Amino acid sequence: MRSSKKAALLEAAGAIIVGGGIDALTFDRLAAETGVSKGGILYHFPDKERLLIALVEGIISLVDLAIAEERASAAEPDGPGRWLRAYIRMAFTDGGDVDRLLGILLAGLPPESPALVPLLSADRRWLEAACSDGLPRGLAIAIRLAVDGAFVTKLDPADTAAAREALLKLTKAAQ
């Protein structure tokens, strides 16, 4: 029961942030929206920073899961560029509120925020996965940066599709 309450608190906290930004998230508001007492929230998250860290860790888990699902569902054998193609397909899939939450956190958290530490660690891990994918290192880095840039750039649907296809082709052309 405790983990489901914690998950509900995280979901509500994410919705508050998506709706009003990081500053809109207070324990009073979270308590009001979830029906959980402030003491109950503090039991799971002793401070706002721990709550933000848990949100970031949850997003990282969702990204890792989405990459794994893309790899598993792809009808292609293992080989150079396979991880990157899964990363591209995952990144160009509309993640809805999770994408919006990640964008708000990236834009709104100060650079010294402890909540960014797990994201920076995951980012390094994803970069190494891209660079270990059998393509030339510089190309793998360039593709990864282009994917991440497309995430934060608001492209129209035709440009999004064109960028996705161009990046997928790059992973195959270098084989």
C-alpha atoms as a PDB file:
ATOM      1  CA  MET A   1       0.000   0.000   0.000  1.00  0.00           C
ATOM      2  CA  ARG A   2       2.839   2.376   0.833  1.00  0.00           C
ATOM      3  CA  SER A   3       4.408   2.161  -2.617  1.00  0.00           C
ATOM      4  CA  SER A   4       1.069   2.857  -4.309  1.00  0.00           C
ATOM      5  CA  LYS A   5       0.602   5.954  -2.117  1.00  0.00           C
ATOM      6  CA  LYS A   6       4.118   7.070  -3.008  1.00  0.00           C
ATOM      7  CA  ALA A   7       3.391   6.504  -6.699  1.00  0.00           C
ATOM      8  CA  ALA A   8       0.143   8.474  -6.394  1.00  0.00           C
ATOM      9  CA  LEU A   9       2.012  11.329  -4.728  1.00  0.00           C
ATOM     10  CA  LEU A  10       4.594  11.355  -7.505  1.00  0.00           C
ATOM     11  CA  GLU A  11       1.905  11.311 -10.176  1.00  0.00           C
ATOM     12  CA  ALA A  12       0.055  14.193  -8.536  1.00  0.00           C
ATOM     13  CA  ALA A  13       3.293  16.154  -8.044  1.00  0.00           C
ATOM     14  CA  GLY A  14       4.116  15.722 -11.719  1.00  0.00           C
ATOM     15  CA  ALA A  15       0.653  16.923 -12.709  1.00  0.00           C
ATOM     16  CA  ILE A  16       1.012  19.992 -10.494  1.00  0.00           C
ATOM     17  CA  ILE A  17       4.345  20.842 -12.092  1.00  0.00           C
ATOM     18  CA  VAL A  18       3.015  20.301 -15.619  1.00  0.00           C
ATOM     19  CA  GLY A  19       0.037  22.508 -14.815  1.00  0.00           C
ATOM     20  CA  GLY A  20       1.819  25.331 -13.056  1.00  0.00           C
ATOM     21  CA  GLY A  21       5.592  24.905 -12.998  1.00  0.00           C
ATOM     22  CA  ILE A  22       8.007  23.832 -10.283  1.00  0.00           C
ATOM     23  CA  ASP A  23       7.071  26.691  -7.963  1.00  0.00           C
ATOM     24  CA  ALA A  24       3.425  25.537  -8.006  1.00  0.00           C
ATOM     25  CA  LEU A  25       4.463  22.335  -6.238  1.00  0.00           C
ATOM     26  CA  THR A  26       4.099  22.752  -2.489  1.00  0.00           C
ATOM     27  CA  PHE A  27       3.398  20.112   0.113  1.00  0.00           C
ATOM     28  CA  ASP A  28       0.217  21.968   1.070  1.00  0.00           C
ATOM     29  CA  ARG A  29      -1.056  21.828  -2.493  1.00  0.00           C
ATOM     30  CA  LEU A  30       0.020  18.198  -2.902  1.00  0.00           C
ATOM     31  CA  ALA A  31      -1.819  17.318   0.317  1.00  0.00           C
ATOM     32  CA  ALA A  32      -4.941  19.116  -0.857  1.00  0.00           C
ATOM     33  CA  GLU A  33      -4.919  17.405  -4.246  1.00  0.00           C
ATOM     34  CA  THR A  34      -4.197  13.897  -2.982  1.00  0.00           C
ATOM     35  CA  GLY A  35      -5.996  13.813   0.341  1.00  0.00           C
ATOM     36  CA  VAL A  36      -2.765  12.695   1.990  1.00  0.00           C
ATOM     37  CA  SER A  37      -1.768  14.601   5.105  1.00  0.00           C
ATOM     38  CA  LYS A  38       1.338  16.747   5.013  1.00  0.00           C
ATOM     39  CA  GLY A  39       2.852  14.313   7.546  1.00  0.00           C
ATOM     40  CA  GLY A  40       2.059  11.442   5.181  1.00  0.00           C
ATOM     41  CA  ILE A  41       3.839  13.237   2.367  1.00  0.00           C
ATOM     42  CA  LEU A  42       6.825  13.970   4.620  1.00  0.00           C
ATOM     43  CA  TYR A  43       6.991  10.277   5.512  1.00  0.00           C
ATOM     44  CA  HIS A  44       7.748   9.493   1.844  1.00  0.00           C
ATOM     45  CA  PHE A  45       9.573  12.692   0.915  1.00  0.00           C
ATOM     46  CA  PRO A  46      11.288  14.614   3.741  1.00  0.00           C
ATOM     47  CA  ASP A  47      11.625  17.701   1.541  1.00  0.00           C
ATOM     48  CA  LYS A  48      10.741  19.047  -1.877  1.00  0.00           C
ATOM     49  CA  GLU A  49      14.192  18.218  -3.250  1.00  0.00           C
ATOM     50  CA  ARG A  50      13.728  14.518  -2.427  1.00  0.00           C
ATOM     51  CA  LEU A  51      10.364  14.622  -4.166  1.00  0.00           C
ATOM     52  CA  LEU A  52      11.946  16.197  -7.260  1.00  0.00           C
ATOM     53  CA  ILE A  53      14.730  13.596  -7.221  1.00  0.00           C
ATOM     54  CA  ALA A  54      12.117  10.823  -7.114  1.00  0.00           C
ATOM     55  CA  LEU A  55      10.280  12.431 -10.059  1.00  0.00           C
ATOM     56  CA  VAL A  56      13.498  12.582 -12.094  1.00  0.00           C
ATOM     57  CA  GLU A  57      14.373   8.978 -11.202  1.00  0.00           C
ATOM     58  CA  GLY A  58      10.897   7.922 -12.317  1.00  0.00           C
ATOM     59  CA  ILE A  59      11.339   9.671 -15.661  1.00  0.00           C
ATOM     60  CA  ILE A  60      14.708   7.987 -16.136  1.00  0.00           C
ATOM     61  CA  SER A  61      13.117   4.598 -15.461  1.00  0.00           C
ATOM     62  CA  LEU A  62      10.397   5.347 -18.022  1.00  0.00           C
ATOM     63  CA  VAL A  63      13.000   6.339 -20.635  1.00  0.00           C
ATOM     64  CA  ASP A  64      15.036   3.195 -19.966  1.00  0.00           C
ATOM     65  CA  LEU A  65      11.893   1.081 -20.250  1.00  0.00           C
ATOM     66  CA  ALA A  66      10.838   2.803 -23.485  1.00  0.00           C
ATOM     67  CA  ILE A  67      14.281   2.235 -25.030  1.00  0.00           C
ATOM     68  CA  ALA A  68      14.181  -1.439 -24.020  1.00  0.00           C
ATOM     69  CA  GLU A  69      10.666  -1.806 -25.463  1.00  0.00           C
ATOM     70  CA  GLU A  70      11.735  -0.172 -28.727  1.00  0.00           C
ATOM     71  CA  ARG A  71      14.718  -2.525 -28.979  1.00  0.00           C
ATOM     72  CA  ALA A  72      12.545  -5.551 -28.240  1.00  0.00           C
ATOM     73  CA  SER A  73       9.835  -4.585 -30.726  1.00  0.00           C
ATOM     74  CA  ALA A  74      12.194  -3.753 -33.596  1.00  0.00           C
ATOM     75  CA  ALA A  75      12.261  -6.409 -36.274  1.00  0.00           C
ATOM     76  CA  GLU A  76      15.993  -6.160 -36.802  1.00  0.00           C
ATOM     77  CA  PRO A  77      18.947  -8.236 -35.688  1.00  0.00           C
ATOM     78  CA  ASP A  78      21.534  -6.951 -33.257  1.00  0.00           C
ATOM     79  CA  GLY A  79      24.126  -4.867 -34.999  1.00  0.00           C
ATOM     80  CA  PRO A  80      25.616  -1.405 -35.292  1.00  0.00           C
ATOM     81  CA  GLY A  81      23.206   1.412 -34.556  1.00  0.00           C
ATOM     82  CA  ARG A  82      20.457  -0.719 -33.024  1.00  0.00           C
ATOM     83  CA  TRP A  83      20.514   1.013 -29.638  1.00  0.00           C
ATOM     84  CA  LEU A  84      20.564   4.439 -31.300  1.00  0.00           C
ATOM     85  CA  ARG A  85      17.626   3.553 -33.543  1.00  0.00           C
ATOM     86  CA  ALA A  86      15.636   2.520 -30.463  1.00  0.00           C
ATOM     87  CA  TYR A  87      16.636   5.790 -28.763  1.00  0.00           C
ATOM     88  CA  ILE A  88      15.537   7.776 -31.830  1.00  0.00           C
ATOM     89  CA  ARG A  89      12.188   5.987 -32.080  1.00  0.00           C
ATOM     90  CA  MET A  90      11.604   6.447 -28.330  1.00  0.00           C
ATOM     91  CA  ALA A  91      12.523  10.143 -28.393  1.00  0.00           C
ATOM     92  CA  PHE A  92      10.300  10.901 -31.382  1.00  0.00           C
ATOM     93  CA  THR A  93       7.283   9.245 -29.762  1.00  0.00           C
ATOM     94  CA  ASP A  94       5.025  11.707 -27.986  1.00  0.00           C
ATOM     95  CA  GLY A  95       5.440  11.013 -24.295  1.00  0.00           C
ATOM     96  CA  GLY A  96       2.717  13.477 -23.336  1.00  0.00           C
ATOM     97  CA  ASP A  97       2.893  14.782 -19.794  1.00  0.00           C
ATOM     98  CA  VAL A  98       6.120  12.883 -19.073  1.00  0.00           C
ATOM     99  CA  ASP A  99       7.859  14.817 -21.867  1.00  0.00           C
ATOM    100  CA  ARG A 100       6.348  18.079 -20.630  1.00  0.00           C
ATOM    101  CA  LEU A 101       7.401  17.307 -17.052  1.00  0.00           C
ATOM    102  CA  LEU A 102      10.961  16.543 -18.122  1.00  0.00           C
ATOM    103  CA  GLY A 103      11.124  19.749 -20.166  1.00  0.00           C
ATOM    104  CA  ILE A 104       9.855  21.829 -17.242  1.00  0.00           C
ATOM    105  CA  LEU A 105      12.325  20.214 -14.848  1.00  0.00           C
ATOM    106  CA  LEU A 106      15.248  20.719 -17.228  1.00  0.00           C
ATOM    107  CA  ALA A 107      14.336  24.357 -17.797  1.00  0.00           C
ATOM    108  CA  GLY A 108      13.312  25.200 -14.247  1.00  0.00           C
ATOM    109  CA  LEU A 109      15.740  23.454 -11.932  1.00  0.00           C
ATOM    110  CA  PRO A 110      18.863  25.405 -11.032  1.00  0.00           C
ATOM    111  CA  PRO A 111      22.099  23.812 -12.308  1.00  0.00           C
ATOM    112  CA  GLU A 112      23.186  22.945  -8.756  1.00  0.00           C
ATOM    113  CA  SER A 113      19.947  21.120  -7.926  1.00  0.00           C
ATOM    114  CA  PRO A 114      20.493  17.619  -6.530  1.00  0.00           C
ATOM    115  CA  ALA A 115      17.481  16.546  -8.610  1.00  0.00           C
ATOM    116  CA  LEU A 116      19.624  16.913 -11.727  1.00  0.00           C
ATOM    117  CA  VAL A 117      22.294  14.485 -10.463  1.00  0.00           C
ATOM    118  CA  PRO A 118      20.439  11.289 -11.465  1.00  0.00           C
ATOM    119  CA  LEU A 119      19.579  12.829 -14.837  1.00  0.00           C
ATOM    120  CA  LEU A 120      23.201  13.753 -15.519  1.00  0.00           C
ATOM    121  CA  SER A 121      24.239  10.221 -14.562  1.00  0.00           C
ATOM    122  CA  ALA A 122      21.623   8.690 -16.876  1.00  0.00           C
ATOM    123  CA  ASP A 123      22.602  11.104 -19.630  1.00  0.00           C
ATOM    124  CA  ARG A 124      26.229   9.910 -19.366  1.00  0.00           C
ATOM    125  CA  ARG A 125      25.055   6.283 -19.426  1.00  0.00           C
ATOM    126  CA  TRP A 126      22.897   6.908 -22.517  1.00  0.00           C
ATOM    127  CA  LEU A 127      25.789   8.682 -24.250  1.00  0.00           C
ATOM    128  CA  GLU A 128      28.080   5.718 -23.580  1.00  0.00           C
ATOM    129  CA  ALA A 129      25.390   3.326 -24.848  1.00  0.00           C
ATOM    130  CA  ALA A 130      25.195   5.378 -28.051  1.00  0.00           C
ATOM    131  CA  CYS A 131      28.978   5.429 -28.409  1.00  0.00           C
ATOM    132  CA  SER A 132      29.213   1.674 -27.784  1.00  0.00           C
ATOM    133  CA  ASP A 133      26.633   0.910 -30.453  1.00  0.00           C
ATOM    134  CA  GLY A 134      29.108   0.095 -33.216  1.00  0.00           C
ATOM    135  CA  LEU A 135      28.988   3.376 -35.117  1.00  0.00           C
ATOM    136  CA  PRO A 136      31.887   5.834 -35.254  1.00  0.00           C
ATOM    137  CA  ARG A 137      31.995   7.673 -31.908  1.00  0.00           C
ATOM    138  CA  GLY A 138      31.675  11.160 -33.407  1.00  0.00           C
ATOM    139  CA  LEU A 139      28.650  10.130 -35.468  1.00  0.00           C
ATOM    140  CA  ALA A 140      27.003   8.481 -32.467  1.00  0.00           C
ATOM    141  CA  ILE A 141      27.526  11.638 -30.402  1.00  0.00           C
ATOM    142  CA  ALA A 142      26.191  13.855 -33.203  1.00  0.00           C
ATOM    143  CA  ILE A 143      23.071  11.699 -33.598  1.00  0.00           C
ATOM    144  CA  ARG A 144      22.476  11.665 -29.850  1.00  0.00           C
ATOM    145  CA  LEU A 145      22.817  15.459 -29.653  1.00  0.00           C
ATOM    146  CA  ALA A 146      20.480  15.915 -32.626  1.00  0.00           C
ATOM    147  CA  VAL A 147      17.862  13.693 -30.978  1.00  0.00           C
ATOM    148  CA  ASP A 148      18.114  15.615 -27.719  1.00  0.00           C
ATOM    149  CA  GLY A 149      17.929  18.930 -29.573  1.00  0.00           C
ATOM    150  CA  ALA A 150      14.797  17.798 -31.377  1.00  0.00           C
ATOM    151  CA  PHE A 151      13.256  16.984 -27.987  1.00  0.00           C
ATOM    152  CA  VAL A 152      13.504  20.592 -26.805  1.00  0.00           C
ATOM    153  CA  THR A 153      12.729  22.198 -30.167  1.00  0.00           C
ATOM    154  CA  LYS A 154       9.111  22.598 -31.137  1.00  0.00           C
ATOM    155  CA  LEU A 155       9.039  21.242 -34.689  1.00  0.00           C
ATOM    156  CA  ASP A 156       5.908  20.883 -36.758  1.00  0.00           C
ATOM    157  CA  PRO A 157       4.854  17.261 -37.407  1.00  0.00           C
ATOM    158  CA  ALA A 158       6.320  17.133 -40.936  1.00  0.00           C
ATOM    159  CA  ASP A 159       9.707  18.406 -39.752  1.00  0.00           C
ATOM    160  CA  THR A 160       9.632  16.017 -36.798  1.00  0.00           C
ATOM    161  CA  ALA A 161       9.018  13.069 -39.129  1.00  0.00           C
ATOM    162  CA  ALA A 162      11.726  14.243 -41.538  1.00  0.00           C
ATOM    163  CA  ALA A 163      14.278  14.616 -38.729  1.00  0.00           C
ATOM    164  CA  ARG A 164      13.396  11.201 -37.313  1.00  0.00           C
ATOM    165  CA  GLU A 165      13.807   9.509 -40.692  1.00  0.00           C
ATOM    166  CA  ALA A 166      17.064  11.329 -41.440  1.00  0.00           C
ATOM    167  CA  LEU A 167      18.545  10.280 -38.095  1.00  0.00           C
ATOM    168  CA  LEU A 168      17.437   6.678 -38.564  1.00  0.00           C
ATOM    169  CA  LYS A 169      19.068   6.660 -42.016  1.00  0.00           C
ATOM    170  CA  LEU A 170      22.318   7.983 -40.552  1.00  0.00           C
ATOM    171  CA  THR A 171      22.491   4.999 -38.202  1.00  0.00           C
ATOM    172  CA  LYS A 172      22.127   2.625 -41.144  1.00  0.00           C
ATOM    173  CA  ALA A 173      24.345   4.445 -43.648  1.00  0.00           C
ATOM    174  CA  ALA A 174      27.350   4.220 -41.340  1.00  0.00           C
ATOM    175  CA  GLN A 175      27.213   0.419 -41.070  1.00  0.00           C
END
